[in-house]
N, C-alpha and C. Protein backbone atom coordinates (compact mmCIF):
# COMPACT_ATOMS: atom_id res chain seq x y z
N MET A 1 -5.38 -7.65 -8.27
CA MET A 1 -3.99 -7.46 -7.56
C MET A 1 -3.35 -8.58 -8.26
N LEU A 2 -2.18 -8.10 -8.50
CA LEU A 2 -1.13 -9.20 -9.32
C LEU A 2 -0.52 -9.82 -7.94
N VAL A 3 -0.40 -11.14 -8.43
CA VAL A 3 0.31 -11.73 -7.09
C VAL A 3 1.03 -13.00 -7.84
N PRO A 4 2.85 -13.04 -7.19
CA PRO A 4 3.47 -13.86 -8.16
C PRO A 4 2.83 -15.01 -9.00
N SER A 5 3.43 -15.33 -10.16
CA SER A 5 3.21 -16.93 -10.79
C SER A 5 4.28 -17.35 -11.42
N LYS A 6 4.00 -18.07 -12.35
CA LYS A 6 4.45 -18.72 -13.31
C LYS A 6 4.77 -17.35 -14.49
N PHE A 7 3.83 -16.62 -14.58
CA PHE A 7 4.17 -15.54 -15.79
C PHE A 7 4.15 -14.10 -15.06
N THR A 8 4.36 -13.69 -13.72
CA THR A 8 4.57 -12.64 -13.10
C THR A 8 5.68 -13.09 -11.87
N ARG A 9 6.46 -12.05 -12.21
CA ARG A 9 7.73 -11.93 -11.58
C ARG A 9 7.37 -11.20 -10.39
N LEU A 10 8.38 -12.04 -8.96
CA LEU A 10 7.49 -10.86 -7.68
C LEU A 10 8.17 -9.79 -7.92
N GLU A 11 9.24 -9.48 -8.49
CA GLU A 11 8.65 -7.85 -8.43
C GLU A 11 8.00 -7.27 -9.13
N GLU A 12 7.37 -7.61 -10.03
CA GLU A 12 6.29 -7.16 -10.48
C GLU A 12 4.78 -7.04 -10.24
N SER A 13 4.85 -8.11 -8.64
CA SER A 13 3.40 -8.12 -8.12
C SER A 13 2.84 -7.12 -6.89
N THR A 14 1.95 -6.98 -7.02
CA THR A 14 1.26 -6.02 -5.79
C THR A 14 2.20 -6.02 -4.64
N LEU A 15 1.75 -7.60 -4.52
CA LEU A 15 2.55 -7.95 -3.31
C LEU A 15 3.91 -7.75 -2.69
N PHE A 16 4.95 -7.56 -3.97
CA PHE A 16 6.08 -7.16 -3.50
C PHE A 16 6.15 -5.71 -3.76
N ARG A 17 5.10 -4.87 -3.99
CA ARG A 17 5.24 -3.36 -4.06
C ARG A 17 4.67 -3.00 -2.97
N MET A 18 4.07 -3.45 -1.83
CA MET A 18 3.25 -3.46 -0.52
C MET A 18 4.32 -2.69 0.25
N LYS A 19 5.75 -3.50 -0.32
CA LYS A 19 6.53 -3.11 1.31
C LYS A 19 6.97 -1.47 1.00
N ASN A 20 7.02 -0.57 -0.04
CA ASN A 20 6.97 0.52 -0.64
C ASN A 20 6.10 1.67 0.30
N ILE A 21 5.29 0.93 0.58
CA ILE A 21 4.10 1.81 1.50
C ILE A 21 4.48 1.79 3.07
N LEU A 22 5.30 0.33 3.27
CA LEU A 22 5.66 0.63 4.67
C LEU A 22 7.10 1.11 5.39
N SER A 23 7.63 1.34 3.95
CA SER A 23 9.59 1.48 4.22
C SER A 23 9.35 3.15 4.46
N GLY A 24 8.89 3.67 3.71
CA GLY A 24 8.68 5.60 4.03
C GLY A 24 7.40 5.83 4.93
N ALA A 25 7.18 4.80 5.75
CA ALA A 25 6.06 5.37 6.31
C ALA A 25 6.14 6.28 7.39
N THR A 26 5.20 7.47 7.85
CA THR A 26 5.24 8.54 8.91
C THR A 26 4.22 8.22 9.28
N GLU A 27 4.35 8.86 10.57
CA GLU A 27 2.88 8.85 11.57
C GLU A 27 1.85 9.37 11.10
N ALA A 28 1.05 8.97 11.05
CA ALA A 28 -0.78 9.84 10.51
C ALA A 28 -0.71 10.42 9.19
N GLU A 29 -0.28 9.36 8.41
CA GLU A 29 -0.14 9.99 7.12
C GLU A 29 -1.60 9.86 6.37
N SER A 30 -2.28 10.63 5.52
CA SER A 30 -3.43 10.44 4.74
C SER A 30 -2.93 9.67 3.99
N VAL A 31 -4.22 9.03 3.08
CA VAL A 31 -4.19 8.12 1.74
C VAL A 31 -3.26 8.81 0.80
N GLN A 32 -3.86 10.14 0.60
CA GLN A 32 -3.56 10.91 -0.23
C GLN A 32 -1.69 11.12 0.13
N ASP A 33 -1.55 11.27 1.13
CA ASP A 33 -0.24 11.07 1.17
C ASP A 33 0.71 10.58 0.38
N ILE A 34 0.53 8.98 1.28
CA ILE A 34 0.92 7.88 0.69
C ILE A 34 0.83 7.59 -0.58
N TYR A 35 -0.37 8.10 -1.30
CA TYR A 35 -0.42 7.71 -3.03
C TYR A 35 0.78 8.58 -3.72
N HIS A 36 0.77 9.70 -3.04
CA HIS A 36 1.93 10.90 -3.53
C HIS A 36 3.09 10.46 -3.65
N ARG A 37 3.75 9.47 -2.20
CA ARG A 37 5.01 9.21 -1.83
C ARG A 37 5.14 7.98 -3.18
N THR A 38 4.25 7.12 -3.15
CA THR A 38 4.45 5.68 -3.82
C THR A 38 4.06 5.88 -5.10
N ARG A 39 3.22 6.83 -5.60
CA ARG A 39 2.61 6.81 -6.76
C ARG A 39 3.69 6.35 -8.43
N ASP A 40 4.68 6.23 -8.22
CA ASP A 40 5.73 5.74 -9.03
C ASP A 40 6.05 4.42 -9.12
N VAL A 41 5.46 3.38 -7.79
CA VAL A 41 5.63 2.29 -7.68
C VAL A 41 4.85 1.39 -8.03
N PHE A 42 3.19 1.76 -7.95
CA PHE A 42 2.20 1.20 -8.54
C PHE A 42 1.60 1.48 -10.09
N ARG A 43 1.63 0.67 -10.92
CA ARG A 43 0.76 0.93 -12.00
C ARG A 43 0.01 2.09 -12.62
N ASP A 44 -0.64 1.93 -11.08
CA ASP A 44 -2.23 2.89 -11.15
C ASP A 44 -2.77 2.81 -9.73
N ALA A 45 -3.76 3.44 -9.55
CA ALA A 45 -4.29 3.75 -8.26
C ALA A 45 -5.11 2.83 -7.94
N SER A 46 -5.88 1.78 -8.77
CA SER A 46 -6.43 0.62 -8.30
C SER A 46 -5.41 -0.57 -7.50
N GLU A 47 -4.32 -0.69 -8.13
CA GLU A 47 -3.19 -1.20 -7.72
C GLU A 47 -2.88 -0.51 -6.49
N PHE A 48 -2.82 0.56 -6.18
CA PHE A 48 -2.10 1.12 -5.01
C PHE A 48 -3.72 0.82 -3.51
N LEU A 49 -4.77 0.77 -4.21
CA LEU A 49 -5.94 0.58 -2.82
C LEU A 49 -5.79 -0.90 -2.54
N HIS A 50 -5.30 -1.95 -4.15
CA HIS A 50 -5.31 -3.12 -3.58
C HIS A 50 -4.67 -3.31 -2.14
N ALA A 51 -3.56 -2.84 -3.00
CA ALA A 51 -1.90 -2.99 -1.56
C ALA A 51 -2.50 -2.43 -0.18
N LEU A 52 -3.07 -1.18 0.00
CA LEU A 52 -3.99 -0.54 1.41
C LEU A 52 -4.72 -1.50 1.81
N ASP A 53 -5.61 -1.94 0.89
CA ASP A 53 -6.68 -3.08 1.50
C ASP A 53 -5.56 -4.48 1.95
N ALA A 54 -4.70 -4.95 1.42
CA ALA A 54 -4.21 -6.26 1.87
C ALA A 54 -3.63 -5.83 3.05
N LEU A 55 -2.87 -4.44 3.45
CA LEU A 55 -2.16 -4.17 4.51
C LEU A 55 -2.73 -4.51 5.68
N PHE A 56 -4.35 -3.20 5.32
CA PHE A 56 -5.41 -3.54 6.46
C PHE A 56 -5.75 -4.70 6.69
N VAL A 57 -5.89 -6.01 5.88
CA VAL A 57 -6.43 -6.77 6.24
C VAL A 57 -5.64 -7.96 7.07
N LEU A 58 -3.97 -7.63 7.01
CA LEU A 58 -2.77 -8.13 7.28
C LEU A 58 -2.98 -7.52 8.70
N GLY A 59 -3.38 -6.40 9.24
CA GLY A 59 -3.57 -5.75 10.46
C GLY A 59 -2.11 -4.94 10.52
N LEU A 60 -1.34 -4.75 9.19
CA LEU A 60 -0.13 -4.05 9.20
C LEU A 60 -0.48 -2.07 9.78
N LEU A 61 -1.95 -1.74 9.23
CA LEU A 61 -2.03 -0.61 9.33
C LEU A 61 -3.85 -0.24 9.39
N ASP A 62 -3.79 0.85 10.07
CA ASP A 62 -5.38 1.12 10.73
C ASP A 62 -5.63 2.17 9.74
N ILE A 63 -6.61 2.52 9.74
CA ILE A 63 -7.44 3.80 9.33
C ILE A 63 -8.50 4.44 10.42
N ASP A 64 -7.83 5.73 10.70
CA ASP A 64 -8.76 6.47 12.01
C ASP A 64 -9.76 7.36 11.02
N VAL A 65 -10.79 7.05 11.22
CA VAL A 65 -11.87 7.40 10.49
C VAL A 65 -12.29 8.78 10.27
N ASP A 66 -12.03 9.19 11.91
CA ASP A 66 -12.37 10.72 11.99
C ASP A 66 -11.30 11.82 11.36
N SER A 67 -9.90 11.29 11.39
CA SER A 67 -8.79 12.40 10.94
C SER A 67 -8.59 11.99 9.67
N GLY A 68 -9.26 11.15 9.37
CA GLY A 68 -8.42 10.07 7.82
C GLY A 68 -7.36 10.11 7.82
N SER A 69 -6.55 9.82 8.46
CA SER A 69 -5.02 9.50 8.76
C SER A 69 -5.04 7.66 9.11
N ILE A 70 -3.70 7.26 8.67
CA ILE A 70 -3.16 6.01 8.80
C ILE A 70 -2.44 5.85 9.81
N ARG A 71 -2.54 4.84 10.45
CA ARG A 71 -1.28 4.36 11.60
C ARG A 71 -1.24 3.24 11.27
N TYR A 72 0.36 2.95 11.58
CA TYR A 72 0.91 1.92 11.46
C TYR A 72 1.22 0.97 12.60
N ALA A 73 1.10 -0.25 12.13
CA ALA A 73 1.15 -1.00 13.41
C ALA A 73 2.40 -1.55 13.97
């Protein structure tokens, strides 16, 4: 996961790109739906998954294991 530093601009960081997951959020999206919606923002799938992990840890999204959908806080 890229974090802002002396060598990495804020706009290039994963932390900055996480806002794109939240900005176009609809209720009960799947991980695949979110990835297709934001794939042009992230460098690769691993950066996307790091962003989802960080949002989950921050409590901004929750995963429904039964349906596989994501709910936003």
